[in-house]
Amino acid sequence: MFSSNKVRRLLKKLFFRSAFSILLLTTDSLAAPCCGGSSALPSLITGDDRAQVSASLTQSQVIGDAPSQGLPVFRGEGDNESSQTLRFDGAYRFADADAWQAGLGVPLTRRSREFGPRQTDRAGLGDLTADVAYEILPELSYSAWKPKGFVFVDLTAPTSPSIYDAKAPYLVDARGRGFFSLGAGLVFIKTVQSFDFNFISELHRSFARSFELQDGSHITAEPGWGGSLTLGGGYNLENFRFGLSLSPVYEDPITTSGDLNSKSSSQLVWNTTAQVGYLISTEWSASFNYTDQTLMGPVRNVTLSRSFSLLCQRRWEL
């Protein structure tokens, strides 16, 4: 017979593997906000909890620029661009329908650039995100092959300046894409002994908006479709989890009309992420993430960055 302590430790480990299998994918550590290569992923409750709140702090450094065609160009000395993002995410599972949950994400971002003797920075609210998720494959009993699965719908609101209405030098006050975006996706999680695996697919549609540029001209910018695909896994050792993931992120070209007619190139970036997580208790967990956009390709029409993030999460049981 198992002692109560052994049962508690076993349940603790099982929860840890489920919760951390997608924790590294919910932090705001994808592409820089001005380049459009970001992806909205929900902060899902994957264990048996009623609610959870996460706070993450991300430091990102731009390493180079990928043109529409050709090889990326790495930036030289004297050209430093960085950002810091403090992000809060919360999710709540509805008491009368445990399969349903809703979440909200609030980022606060500071961007700065130093080019030669000139330095400038701006800080403020980023683009807000909200999502609703439904557990389509609950883990009611053990299965050697069946994963836990969720379907979600997310909305991104342009609550921060974009490159179209930025006014600061080097556009450092551009903290978002500038468009309303509606998306949907699937999440699958599977734990096999000490290993866990996750798969996330997300597709979104951004909608046209009108802008007044710095010179007083008026344009209408029409984006298109975008999406991301994430494949990740991890190894669990006692209260630690060591994870890796790979995620390509794509955005359609943006067409502008009005006083300025143009069409940009599509955007593509690959996020390679490594993570170390630690389960502090059944209610608290923390993780350290490193994301590099220079390791995989092809990439085009984006800035390339490397970022570090620290995340802390608090959960409340059912």
C-alpha atoms as a PDB file:
ATOM      1  CA  MET A   1       0.000   0.000   0.000  1.00  0.00           C
ATOM      2  CA  PHE A   2       1.119   3.560  -0.717  1.00  0.00           C
ATOM      3  CA  SER A   3       1.516   5.935   2.180  1.00  0.00           C
ATOM      4  CA  SER A   4      -0.328   9.247   2.088  1.00  0.00           C
ATOM      5  CA  ASN A   5       2.979  11.075   1.521  1.00  0.00           C
ATOM      6  CA  LYS A   6       3.838   8.898  -1.487  1.00  0.00           C
ATOM      7  CA  VAL A   7       0.396   9.444  -3.005  1.00  0.00           C
ATOM      8  CA  ARG A   8       0.740  13.181  -2.454  1.00  0.00           C
ATOM      9  CA  ARG A   9       4.155  13.243  -4.137  1.00  0.00           C
ATOM     10  CA  LEU A  10       2.853  11.214  -7.093  1.00  0.00           C
ATOM     11  CA  LEU A  11      -0.121  13.532  -7.638  1.00  0.00           C
ATOM     12  CA  LYS A  12       2.192  16.515  -7.275  1.00  0.00           C
ATOM     13  CA  LYS A  13       4.496  15.225 -10.011  1.00  0.00           C
ATOM     14  CA  LEU A  14       1.619  14.407 -12.359  1.00  0.00           C
ATOM     15  CA  PHE A  15       0.227  17.906 -11.945  1.00  0.00           C
ATOM     16  CA  PHE A  16       3.664  19.414 -12.450  1.00  0.00           C
ATOM     17  CA  ARG A  17       4.132  17.620 -15.771  1.00  0.00           C
ATOM     18  CA  SER A  18       0.721  18.678 -17.038  1.00  0.00           C
ATOM     19  CA  ALA A  19       1.031  22.307 -15.968  1.00  0.00           C
ATOM     20  CA  PHE A  20       4.575  22.866 -17.238  1.00  0.00           C
ATOM     21  CA  SER A  21       4.102  21.114 -20.592  1.00  0.00           C
ATOM     22  CA  ILE A  22       2.782  24.365 -22.121  1.00  0.00           C
ATOM     23  CA  LEU A  23       3.871  26.934 -19.541  1.00  0.00           C
ATOM     24  CA  LEU A  24       6.852  28.048 -21.626  1.00  0.00           C
ATOM     25  CA  LEU A  25       4.539  28.665 -24.596  1.00  0.00           C
ATOM     26  CA  THR A  26       2.310  31.186 -22.861  1.00  0.00           C
ATOM     27  CA  THR A  27       4.941  33.785 -22.099  1.00  0.00           C
ATOM     28  CA  ASP A  28       5.289  36.848 -24.287  1.00  0.00           C
ATOM     29  CA  SER A  29       8.651  35.843 -25.733  1.00  0.00           C
ATOM     30  CA  LEU A  30       7.956  35.638 -29.441  1.00  0.00           C
ATOM     31  CA  ALA A  31       8.819  38.258 -32.034  1.00  0.00           C
ATOM     32  CA  ALA A  32       9.162  41.936 -31.277  1.00  0.00           C
ATOM     33  CA  PRO A  33       5.808  43.777 -31.318  1.00  0.00           C
ATOM     34  CA  CYS A  34       6.703  46.027 -34.240  1.00  0.00           C
ATOM     35  CA  CYS A  35       7.557  43.222 -36.634  1.00  0.00           C
ATOM     36  CA  GLY A  36       4.238  41.388 -36.473  1.00  0.00           C
ATOM     37  CA  GLY A  37       5.700  37.948 -35.994  1.00  0.00           C
ATOM     38  CA  SER A  38       3.935  37.285 -32.725  1.00  0.00           C
ATOM     39  CA  SER A  39       1.355  34.720 -31.795  1.00  0.00           C
ATOM     40  CA  ALA A  40      -1.500  34.758 -29.317  1.00  0.00           C
ATOM     41  CA  LEU A  41      -1.463  31.653 -27.133  1.00  0.00           C
ATOM     42  CA  PRO A  42      -3.819  31.157 -24.199  1.00  0.00           C
ATOM     43  CA  SER A  43      -2.757  30.817 -20.582  1.00  0.00           C
ATOM     44  CA  LEU A  44      -4.515  27.504 -20.095  1.00  0.00           C
ATOM     45  CA  ILE A  45      -5.427  25.756 -16.874  1.00  0.00           C
ATOM     46  CA  THR A  46      -4.147  22.259 -17.658  1.00  0.00           C
ATOM     47  CA  GLY A  47      -4.435  20.714 -14.189  1.00  0.00           C
ATOM     48  CA  ASP A  48      -7.325  20.297 -11.755  1.00  0.00           C
ATOM     49  CA  ASP A  49      -7.539  23.930 -10.671  1.00  0.00           C
ATOM     50  CA  ARG A  50     -10.223  26.580 -10.496  1.00  0.00           C
ATOM     51  CA  ALA A  51      -7.982  29.561 -11.296  1.00  0.00           C
ATOM     52  CA  GLN A  52      -4.392  30.582 -11.943  1.00  0.00           C
ATOM     53  CA  VAL A  53      -2.413  33.824 -12.234  1.00  0.00           C
ATOM     54  CA  SER A  54       1.001  34.188 -13.894  1.00  0.00           C
ATOM     55  CA  ALA A  55       3.511  37.019 -13.952  1.00  0.00           C
ATOM     56  CA  SER A  56       6.479  37.012 -16.329  1.00  0.00           C
ATOM     57  CA  LEU A  57       9.368  39.394 -16.913  1.00  0.00           C
ATOM     58  CA  THR A  58      11.092  39.196 -20.306  1.00  0.00           C
ATOM     59  CA  GLN A  59      14.318  40.849 -21.433  1.00  0.00           C
ATOM     60  CA  SER A  60      14.752  40.814 -25.217  1.00  0.00           C
ATOM     61  CA  GLN A  61      17.733  41.983 -27.293  1.00  0.00           C
ATOM     62  CA  VAL A  62      17.533  42.527 -31.062  1.00  0.00           C
ATOM     63  CA  ILE A  63      20.409  40.692 -32.744  1.00  0.00           C
ATOM     64  CA  GLY A  64      19.770  41.322 -36.440  1.00  0.00           C
ATOM     65  CA  ASP A  65      17.312  42.007 -39.240  1.00  0.00           C
ATOM     66  CA  ALA A  66      15.938  39.555 -41.782  1.00  0.00           C
ATOM     67  CA  PRO A  67      15.093  41.241 -45.118  1.00  0.00           C
ATOM     68  CA  SER A  68      12.286  40.191 -47.433  1.00  0.00           C
ATOM     69  CA  GLN A  69      14.853  38.346 -49.541  1.00  0.00           C
ATOM     70  CA  GLY A  70      18.348  37.208 -48.805  1.00  0.00           C
ATOM     71  CA  LEU A  71      20.268  36.381 -45.652  1.00  0.00           C
ATOM     72  CA  PRO A  72      19.738  38.087 -42.276  1.00  0.00           C
ATOM     73  CA  VAL A  73      22.106  40.926 -41.374  1.00  0.00           C
ATOM     74  CA  PHE A  74      23.403  41.029 -37.811  1.00  0.00           C
ATOM     75  CA  ARG A  75      23.688  44.428 -36.153  1.00  0.00           C
ATOM     76  CA  GLY A  76      27.085  45.875 -35.343  1.00  0.00           C
ATOM     77  CA  GLU A  77      28.461  47.603 -32.290  1.00  0.00           C
ATOM     78  CA  GLY A  78      26.818  50.882 -31.365  1.00  0.00           C
ATOM     79  CA  ASP A  79      23.347  49.751 -32.495  1.00  0.00           C
ATOM     80  CA  ASN A  80      21.530  48.368 -29.461  1.00  0.00           C
ATOM     81  CA  GLU A  81      17.785  47.718 -29.401  1.00  0.00           C
ATOM     82  CA  SER A  82      16.108  46.000 -26.479  1.00  0.00           C
ATOM     83  CA  SER A  83      12.790  45.622 -24.705  1.00  0.00           C
ATOM     84  CA  GLN A  84      11.498  44.609 -21.307  1.00  0.00           C
ATOM     85  CA  THR A  85       8.002  43.202 -20.874  1.00  0.00           C
ATOM     86  CA  LEU A  86       6.129  42.617 -17.631  1.00  0.00           C
ATOM     87  CA  ARG A  87       3.137  40.449 -18.450  1.00  0.00           C
ATOM     88  CA  PHE A  88       0.226  39.314 -16.283  1.00  0.00           C
ATOM     89  CA  ASP A  89      -1.961  36.376 -17.336  1.00  0.00           C
ATOM     90  CA  GLY A  90      -4.982  34.980 -15.565  1.00  0.00           C
ATOM     91  CA  ALA A  91      -7.357  32.106 -16.262  1.00  0.00           C
ATOM     92  CA  TYR A  92     -10.559  30.940 -14.552  1.00  0.00           C
ATOM     93  CA  ARG A  93     -12.476  27.683 -14.929  1.00  0.00           C
ATOM     94  CA  PHE A  94     -16.239  28.094 -14.636  1.00  0.00           C
ATOM     95  CA  ALA A  95     -17.750  26.303 -11.646  1.00  0.00           C
ATOM     96  CA  ASP A  96     -20.911  25.151 -13.413  1.00  0.00           C
ATOM     97  CA  ALA A  97     -19.046  23.929 -16.536  1.00  0.00           C
ATOM     98  CA  ASP A  98     -15.573  22.623 -15.691  1.00  0.00           C
ATOM     99  CA  ALA A  99     -14.687  22.062 -19.349  1.00  0.00           C
ATOM    100  CA  TRP A 100     -14.901  25.813 -20.047  1.00  0.00           C
ATOM    101  CA  GLN A 101     -12.359  28.435 -19.013  1.00  0.00           C
ATOM    102  CA  ALA A 102     -11.500  32.039 -19.880  1.00  0.00           C
ATOM    103  CA  GLY A 103      -8.265  33.985 -19.723  1.00  0.00           C
ATOM    104  CA  LEU A 104      -6.847  37.504 -20.019  1.00  0.00           C
ATOM    105  CA  GLY A 105      -3.331  38.769 -20.773  1.00  0.00           C
ATOM    106  CA  VAL A 106      -1.995  42.268 -19.941  1.00  0.00           C
ATOM    107  CA  PRO A 107       1.546  43.232 -21.088  1.00  0.00           C
ATOM    108  CA  LEU A 108       3.507  46.307 -20.030  1.00  0.00           C
ATOM    109  CA  THR A 109       6.457  46.973 -22.329  1.00  0.00           C
ATOM    110  CA  ARG A 110       9.453  49.281 -22.432  1.00  0.00           C
ATOM    111  CA  ARG A 111      11.390  49.538 -25.697  1.00  0.00           C
ATOM    112  CA  SER A 112      14.689  51.355 -26.158  1.00  0.00           C
ATOM    113  CA  ARG A 113      17.274  51.866 -28.894  1.00  0.00           C
ATOM    114  CA  GLU A 114      20.755  53.298 -28.797  1.00  0.00           C
ATOM    115  CA  PHE A 115      22.342  54.182 -32.125  1.00  0.00           C
ATOM    116  CA  GLY A 116      25.666  55.965 -31.831  1.00  0.00           C
ATOM    117  CA  PRO A 117      25.323  58.946 -29.484  1.00  0.00           C
ATOM    118  CA  ARG A 118      21.533  58.958 -29.658  1.00  0.00           C
ATOM    119  CA  GLN A 119      19.372  56.985 -27.243  1.00  0.00           C
ATOM    120  CA  THR A 120      15.603  56.907 -26.801  1.00  0.00           C
ATOM    121  CA  ASP A 121      13.052  54.758 -25.009  1.00  0.00           C
ATOM    122  CA  ARG A 122       9.313  54.578 -24.391  1.00  0.00           C
ATOM    123  CA  ALA A 123       7.127  52.463 -22.089  1.00  0.00           C
ATOM    124  CA  GLY A 124       3.445  51.685 -21.776  1.00  0.00           C
ATOM    125  CA  LEU A 125       0.629  49.201 -22.205  1.00  0.00           C
ATOM    126  CA  GLY A 126       0.897  46.549 -24.926  1.00  0.00           C
ATOM    127  CA  ASP A 127      -1.891  44.805 -26.833  1.00  0.00           C
ATOM    128  CA  LEU A 128      -4.446  43.119 -24.571  1.00  0.00           C
ATOM    129  CA  THR A 129      -5.448  39.509 -25.233  1.00  0.00           C
ATOM    130  CA  ALA A 130      -8.465  37.498 -24.122  1.00  0.00           C
ATOM    131  CA  ASP A 131      -9.359  33.880 -24.772  1.00  0.00           C
ATOM    132  CA  VAL A 132     -11.977  31.227 -24.124  1.00  0.00           C
ATOM    133  CA  ALA A 133     -11.032  27.537 -24.116  1.00  0.00           C
ATOM    134  CA  TYR A 134     -12.916  24.234 -23.983  1.00  0.00           C
ATOM    135  CA  GLU A 135     -11.427  20.893 -22.934  1.00  0.00           C
ATOM    136  CA  ILE A 136     -12.401  18.551 -25.772  1.00  0.00           C
ATOM    137  CA  LEU A 137     -10.328  15.594 -24.533  1.00  0.00           C
ATOM    138  CA  PRO A 138     -10.471  15.401 -20.736  1.00  0.00           C
ATOM    139  CA  GLU A 139      -8.155  12.990 -18.967  1.00  0.00           C
ATOM    140  CA  LEU A 140     -10.800  11.055 -17.024  1.00  0.00           C
ATOM    141  CA  SER A 141      -8.809   7.819 -16.911  1.00  0.00           C
ATOM    142  CA  TYR A 142      -5.342   6.624 -17.864  1.00  0.00           C
ATOM    143  CA  SER A 143      -4.637   6.006 -21.548  1.00  0.00           C
ATOM    144  CA  ALA A 144      -1.358   4.951 -23.122  1.00  0.00           C
ATOM    145  CA  TRP A 145      -2.021   7.056 -26.232  1.00  0.00           C
ATOM    146  CA  LYS A 146      -4.889   9.530 -25.691  1.00  0.00           C
ATOM    147  CA  PRO A 147      -3.701  13.103 -24.970  1.00  0.00           C
ATOM    148  CA  LYS A 148      -5.420  15.857 -23.064  1.00  0.00           C
ATOM    149  CA  GLY A 149      -6.873  18.316 -25.598  1.00  0.00           C
ATOM    150  CA  PHE A 150      -8.231  21.860 -25.694  1.00  0.00           C
ATOM    151  CA  VAL A 151      -9.735  24.104 -28.336  1.00  0.00           C
ATOM    152  CA  PHE A 152      -9.539  27.874 -27.861  1.00  0.00           C
ATOM    153  CA  VAL A 153     -10.658  31.159 -29.396  1.00  0.00           C
ATOM    154  CA  ASP A 154      -8.642  34.315 -28.732  1.00  0.00           C
ATOM    155  CA  LEU A 155      -9.001  38.031 -29.371  1.00  0.00           C
ATOM    156  CA  THR A 156      -6.205  40.610 -29.522  1.00  0.00           C
ATOM    157  CA  ALA A 157      -7.103  44.296 -29.121  1.00  0.00           C
ATOM    158  CA  PRO A 158      -4.791  47.106 -30.403  1.00  0.00           C
ATOM    159  CA  THR A 159      -4.458  48.936 -27.085  1.00  0.00           C
ATOM    160  CA  SER A 160      -0.932  50.181 -27.816  1.00  0.00           C
ATOM    161  CA  PRO A 161       0.706  52.192 -30.624  1.00  0.00           C
ATOM    162  CA  SER A 162       1.898  50.407 -33.767  1.00  0.00           C
ATOM    163  CA  ILE A 163       4.462  51.409 -36.400  1.00  0.00           C
ATOM    164  CA  TYR A 164       1.689  53.345 -38.176  1.00  0.00           C
ATOM    165  CA  ASP A 165       0.994  55.759 -35.301  1.00  0.00           C
ATOM    166  CA  ALA A 166       4.393  55.695 -33.553  1.00  0.00           C
ATOM    167  CA  LYS A 167       6.001  59.103 -33.111  1.00  0.00           C
ATOM    168  CA  ALA A 168       9.206  58.476 -31.147  1.00  0.00           C
ATOM    169  CA  PRO A 169      12.624  58.170 -32.816  1.00  0.00           C
ATOM    170  CA  TYR A 170      13.339  54.663 -34.136  1.00  0.00           C
ATOM    171  CA  LEU A 171       9.626  53.894 -33.530  1.00  0.00           C
ATOM    172  CA  VAL A 172      10.373  52.671 -30.007  1.00  0.00           C
ATOM    173  CA  ASP A 173       6.828  53.570 -28.932  1.00  0.00           C
ATOM    174  CA  ALA A 174       5.450  50.871 -31.263  1.00  0.00           C
ATOM    175  CA  ARG A 175       4.450  48.119 -28.836  1.00  0.00           C
ATOM    176  CA  GLY A 176       1.833  46.263 -30.892  1.00  0.00           C
ATOM    177  CA  ARG A 177       0.666  45.427 -34.399  1.00  0.00           C
ATOM    178  CA  GLY A 178      -2.193  47.929 -34.460  1.00  0.00           C
ATOM    179  CA  PHE A 179      -4.979  45.559 -35.532  1.00  0.00           C
ATOM    180  CA  PHE A 180      -7.857  43.672 -33.989  1.00  0.00           C
ATOM    181  CA  SER A 181      -7.169  39.981 -34.420  1.00  0.00           C
ATOM    182  CA  LEU A 182      -9.440  36.966 -33.936  1.00  0.00           C
ATOM    183  CA  GLY A 183      -7.945  33.493 -33.774  1.00  0.00           C
ATOM    184  CA  ALA A 184      -8.587  29.876 -32.885  1.00  0.00           C
ATOM    185  CA  GLY A 185      -6.423  26.892 -32.164  1.00  0.00           C
ATOM    186  CA  LEU A 186      -5.871  23.434 -30.694  1.00  0.00           C
ATOM    187  CA  VAL A 187      -3.677  22.285 -27.801  1.00  0.00           C
ATOM    188  CA  PHE A 188      -2.721  18.666 -27.097  1.00  0.00           C
ATOM    189  CA  ILE A 189      -0.686  17.496 -24.098  1.00  0.00           C
ATOM    190  CA  LYS A 190       0.552  13.994 -23.332  1.00  0.00           C
ATOM    191  CA  THR A 191       2.637  12.656 -20.436  1.00  0.00           C
ATOM    192  CA  VAL A 192       4.512   9.359 -20.806  1.00  0.00           C
ATOM    193  CA  GLN A 193       6.373   8.354 -17.651  1.00  0.00           C
ATOM    194  CA  SER A 194       8.976  11.100 -17.072  1.00  0.00           C
ATOM    195  CA  PHE A 195       8.447  12.746 -20.465  1.00  0.00           C
ATOM    196  CA  ASP A 196       5.754  15.124 -21.688  1.00  0.00           C
ATOM    197  CA  PHE A 197       4.898  16.319 -25.164  1.00  0.00           C
ATOM    198  CA  ASN A 198       2.778  19.200 -26.442  1.00  0.00           C
ATOM    199  CA  PHE A 199       1.411  20.365 -29.762  1.00  0.00           C
ATOM    200  CA  ILE A 200      -0.226  23.738 -30.426  1.00  0.00           C
ATOM    201  CA  SER A 201      -1.671  25.016 -33.700  1.00  0.00           C
ATOM    202  CA  GLU A 202      -3.099  28.524 -33.987  1.00  0.00           C
ATOM    203  CA  LEU A 203      -4.663  30.463 -36.889  1.00  0.00           C
ATOM    204  CA  HIS A 204      -5.794  34.090 -36.717  1.00  0.00           C
ATOM    205  CA  ARG A 205      -7.248  36.794 -38.934  1.00  0.00           C
ATOM    206  CA  SER A 206      -6.365  40.466 -38.461  1.00  0.00           C
ATOM    207  CA  PHE A 207      -8.726  43.208 -39.626  1.00  0.00           C
ATOM    208  CA  ALA A 208      -8.133  46.446 -41.539  1.00  0.00           C
ATOM    209  CA  ARG A 209      -7.796  49.809 -39.766  1.00  0.00           C
ATOM    210  CA  SER A 210      -7.266  53.418 -40.801  1.00  0.00           C
ATOM    211  CA  PHE A 211      -4.306  55.451 -39.518  1.00  0.00           C
ATOM    212  CA  GLU A 212      -3.057  59.014 -39.650  1.00  0.00           C
ATOM    213  CA  LEU A 213       0.707  59.068 -40.182  1.00  0.00           C
ATOM    214  CA  GLN A 214       3.186  61.552 -38.729  1.00  0.00           C
ATOM    215  CA  ASP A 215       3.169  63.660 -41.915  1.00  0.00           C
ATOM    216  CA  GLY A 216      -0.613  64.034 -41.772  1.00  0.00           C
ATOM    217  CA  SER A 217      -1.403  61.543 -44.553  1.00  0.00           C
ATOM    218  CA  HIS A 218      -4.149  58.963 -44.122  1.00  0.00           C
ATOM    219  CA  ILE A 219      -3.916  55.303 -44.987  1.00  0.00           C
ATOM    220  CA  THR A 220      -5.906  52.130 -44.569  1.00  0.00           C
ATOM    221  CA  ALA A 221      -3.791  49.110 -43.656  1.00  0.00           C
ATOM    222  CA  GLU A 222      -5.237  45.710 -44.472  1.00  0.00           C
ATOM    223  CA  PRO A 223      -3.463  42.695 -42.929  1.00  0.00           C
ATOM    224  CA  GLY A 224      -4.389  39.109 -43.626  1.00  0.00           C
ATOM    225  CA  TRP A 225      -4.040  35.706 -42.044  1.00  0.00           C
ATOM    226  CA  GLY A 226      -1.373  34.499 -39.691  1.00  0.00           C
ATOM    227  CA  GLY A 227      -0.618  31.455 -37.641  1.00  0.00           C
ATOM    228  CA  SER A 228       1.835  29.481 -35.594  1.00  0.00           C
ATOM    229  CA  LEU A 229       2.687  25.851 -35.005  1.00  0.00           C
ATOM    230  CA  THR A 230       4.456  24.660 -31.862  1.00  0.00           C
ATOM    231  CA  LEU A 231       5.967  21.293 -31.049  1.00  0.00           C
ATOM    232  CA  GLY A 232       7.591  20.834 -27.665  1.00  0.00           C
ATOM    233  CA  GLY A 233       8.554  18.340 -25.036  1.00  0.00           C
ATOM    234  CA  GLY A 234      10.188  17.989 -21.675  1.00  0.00           C
ATOM    235  CA  TYR A 235      11.807  15.688 -19.168  1.00  0.00           C
ATOM    236  CA  ASN A 236      10.681  15.693 -15.555  1.00  0.00           C
ATOM    237  CA  LEU A 237      13.100  14.994 -12.710  1.00  0.00           C
ATOM    238  CA  GLU A 238      11.579  15.236  -9.239  1.00  0.00           C
ATOM    239  CA  ASN A 239      10.316  18.841  -8.983  1.00  0.00           C
ATOM    240  CA  PHE A 240      12.260  20.049 -12.030  1.00  0.00           C
ATOM    241  CA  ARG A 241      11.236  20.107 -15.678  1.00  0.00           C
ATOM    242  CA  PHE A 242      13.636  20.628 -18.602  1.00  0.00           C
ATOM    243  CA  GLY A 243      11.868  21.552 -21.837  1.00  0.00           C
ATOM    244  CA  LEU A 244      12.483  22.420 -25.486  1.00  0.00           C
ATOM    245  CA  SER A 245      10.129  23.718 -28.169  1.00  0.00           C
ATOM    246  CA  LEU A 246      10.211  24.904 -31.773  1.00  0.00           C
ATOM    247  CA  SER A 247       7.618  27.309 -33.155  1.00  0.00           C
ATOM    248  CA  PRO A 248       7.381  28.888 -36.634  1.00  0.00           C
ATOM    249  CA  VAL A 249       5.223  32.055 -36.735  1.00  0.00           C
ATOM    250  CA  TYR A 250       3.818  33.456 -39.996  1.00  0.00           C
ATOM    251  CA  GLU A 251       1.984  36.661 -40.998  1.00  0.00           C
ATOM    252  CA  ASP A 252       0.480  37.550 -44.377  1.00  0.00           C
ATOM    253  CA  PRO A 253       1.636  40.717 -46.228  1.00  0.00           C
ATOM    254  CA  ILE A 254      -0.007  44.031 -45.268  1.00  0.00           C
ATOM    255  CA  THR A 255      -1.543  46.133 -48.040  1.00  0.00           C
ATOM    256  CA  THR A 256      -1.900  49.892 -47.532  1.00  0.00           C
ATOM    257  CA  SER A 257      -4.141  52.217 -49.563  1.00  0.00           C
ATOM    258  CA  GLY A 258      -5.111  55.888 -49.439  1.00  0.00           C
ATOM    259  CA  ASP A 259      -2.388  58.549 -49.514  1.00  0.00           C
ATOM    260  CA  LEU A 260       0.207  55.758 -49.656  1.00  0.00           C
ATOM    261  CA  ASN A 261      -0.247  52.568 -51.661  1.00  0.00           C
ATOM    262  CA  SER A 262       2.079  49.677 -50.945  1.00  0.00           C
ATOM    263  CA  LYS A 263       2.262  45.998 -50.114  1.00  0.00           C
ATOM    264  CA  SER A 264       4.753  44.541 -47.681  1.00  0.00           C
ATOM    265  CA  SER A 265       6.328  41.112 -47.761  1.00  0.00           C
ATOM    266  CA  SER A 266       5.021  38.284 -45.635  1.00  0.00           C
ATOM    267  CA  GLN A 267       6.759  37.640 -42.317  1.00  0.00           C
ATOM    268  CA  LEU A 268       8.225  34.413 -40.984  1.00  0.00           C
ATOM    269  CA  VAL A 269      10.247  33.729 -37.850  1.00  0.00           C
ATOM    270  CA  TRP A 270      11.200  30.586 -35.899  1.00  0.00           C
ATOM    271  CA  ASN A 271      11.275  30.595 -32.095  1.00  0.00           C
ATOM    272  CA  THR A 272      13.527  28.025 -30.433  1.00  0.00           C
ATOM    273  CA  THR A 273      12.898  27.913 -26.689  1.00  0.00           C
ATOM    274  CA  ALA A 274      14.615  26.127 -23.807  1.00  0.00           C
ATOM    275  CA  GLN A 275      13.124  26.059 -20.323  1.00  0.00           C
ATOM    276  CA  VAL A 276      13.916  25.017 -16.779  1.00  0.00           C
ATOM    277  CA  GLY A 277      10.914  24.883 -14.473  1.00  0.00           C
ATOM    278  CA  TYR A 278      10.588  24.203 -10.755  1.00  0.00           C
ATOM    279  CA  LEU A 279       7.538  23.196  -8.745  1.00  0.00           C
ATOM    280  CA  ILE A 280       7.767  25.135  -5.497  1.00  0.00           C
ATOM    281  CA  SER A 281       4.526  23.659  -4.087  1.00  0.00           C
ATOM    282  CA  THR A 282       1.178  22.433  -5.341  1.00  0.00           C
ATOM    283  CA  GLU A 283       0.123  26.096  -5.579  1.00  0.00           C
ATOM    284  CA  TRP A 284       3.332  27.807  -6.745  1.00  0.00           C
ATOM    285  CA  SER A 285       5.712  27.196  -9.650  1.00  0.00           C
ATOM    286  CA  ALA A 286       8.441  29.113 -11.456  1.00  0.00           C
ATOM    287  CA  SER A 287      10.364  28.821 -14.711  1.00  0.00           C
ATOM    288  CA  PHE A 288      13.279  30.334 -16.608  1.00  0.00           C
ATOM    289  CA  ASN A 289      13.000  30.515 -20.405  1.00  0.00           C
ATOM    290  CA  TYR A 290      15.466  31.328 -23.177  1.00  0.00           C
ATOM    291  CA  THR A 291      14.169  32.020 -26.700  1.00  0.00           C
ATOM    292  CA  ASP A 292      16.407  32.448 -29.757  1.00  0.00           C
ATOM    293  CA  GLN A 293      15.147  33.519 -33.200  1.00  0.00           C
ATOM    294  CA  THR A 294      18.534  33.141 -34.923  1.00  0.00           C
ATOM    295  CA  LEU A 295      18.911  29.351 -34.770  1.00  0.00           C
ATOM    296  CA  MET A 296      16.306  28.179 -37.306  1.00  0.00           C
ATOM    297  CA  GLY A 297      15.063  29.407 -40.666  1.00  0.00           C
ATOM    298  CA  PRO A 298      14.094  30.514 -43.186  1.00  0.00           C
ATOM    299  CA  VAL A 299      13.178  33.933 -41.779  1.00  0.00           C
ATOM    300  CA  ARG A 300      12.041  37.049 -43.612  1.00  0.00           C
ATOM    301  CA  ASN A 301      10.900  40.620 -43.023  1.00  0.00           C
ATOM    302  CA  VAL A 302      11.405  40.546 -39.228  1.00  0.00           C
ATOM    303  CA  THR A 303      13.820  41.650 -36.558  1.00  0.00           C
ATOM    304  CA  LEU A 304      15.592  38.744 -34.861  1.00  0.00           C
ATOM    305  CA  SER A 305      16.039  38.684 -31.115  1.00  0.00           C
ATOM    306  CA  ARG A 306      17.218  36.619 -28.179  1.00  0.00           C
ATOM    307  CA  SER A 307      15.265  36.832 -24.949  1.00  0.00           C
ATOM    308  CA  PHE A 308      15.278  35.622 -21.359  1.00  0.00           C
ATOM    309  CA  SER A 309      12.197  35.434 -19.180  1.00  0.00           C
ATOM    310  CA  LEU A 310      11.314  34.584 -15.603  1.00  0.00           C
ATOM    311  CA  LEU A 311       7.817  33.394 -14.819  1.00  0.00           C
ATOM    312  CA  CYS A 312       5.975  32.757 -11.567  1.00  0.00           C
ATOM    313  CA  GLN A 313       2.555  31.144 -11.342  1.00  0.00           C
ATOM    314  CA  ARG A 314      -0.011  30.788  -8.545  1.00  0.00           C
ATOM    315  CA  ARG A 315      -2.868  28.274  -8.735  1.00  0.00           C
ATOM    316  CA  TRP A 316      -6.053  27.721  -6.751  1.00  0.00           C
ATOM    317  CA  GLU A 317      -7.509  24.228  -6.480  1.00  0.00           C
ATOM    318  CA  LEU A 318     -11.083  23.268  -7.328  1.00  0.00           C
END
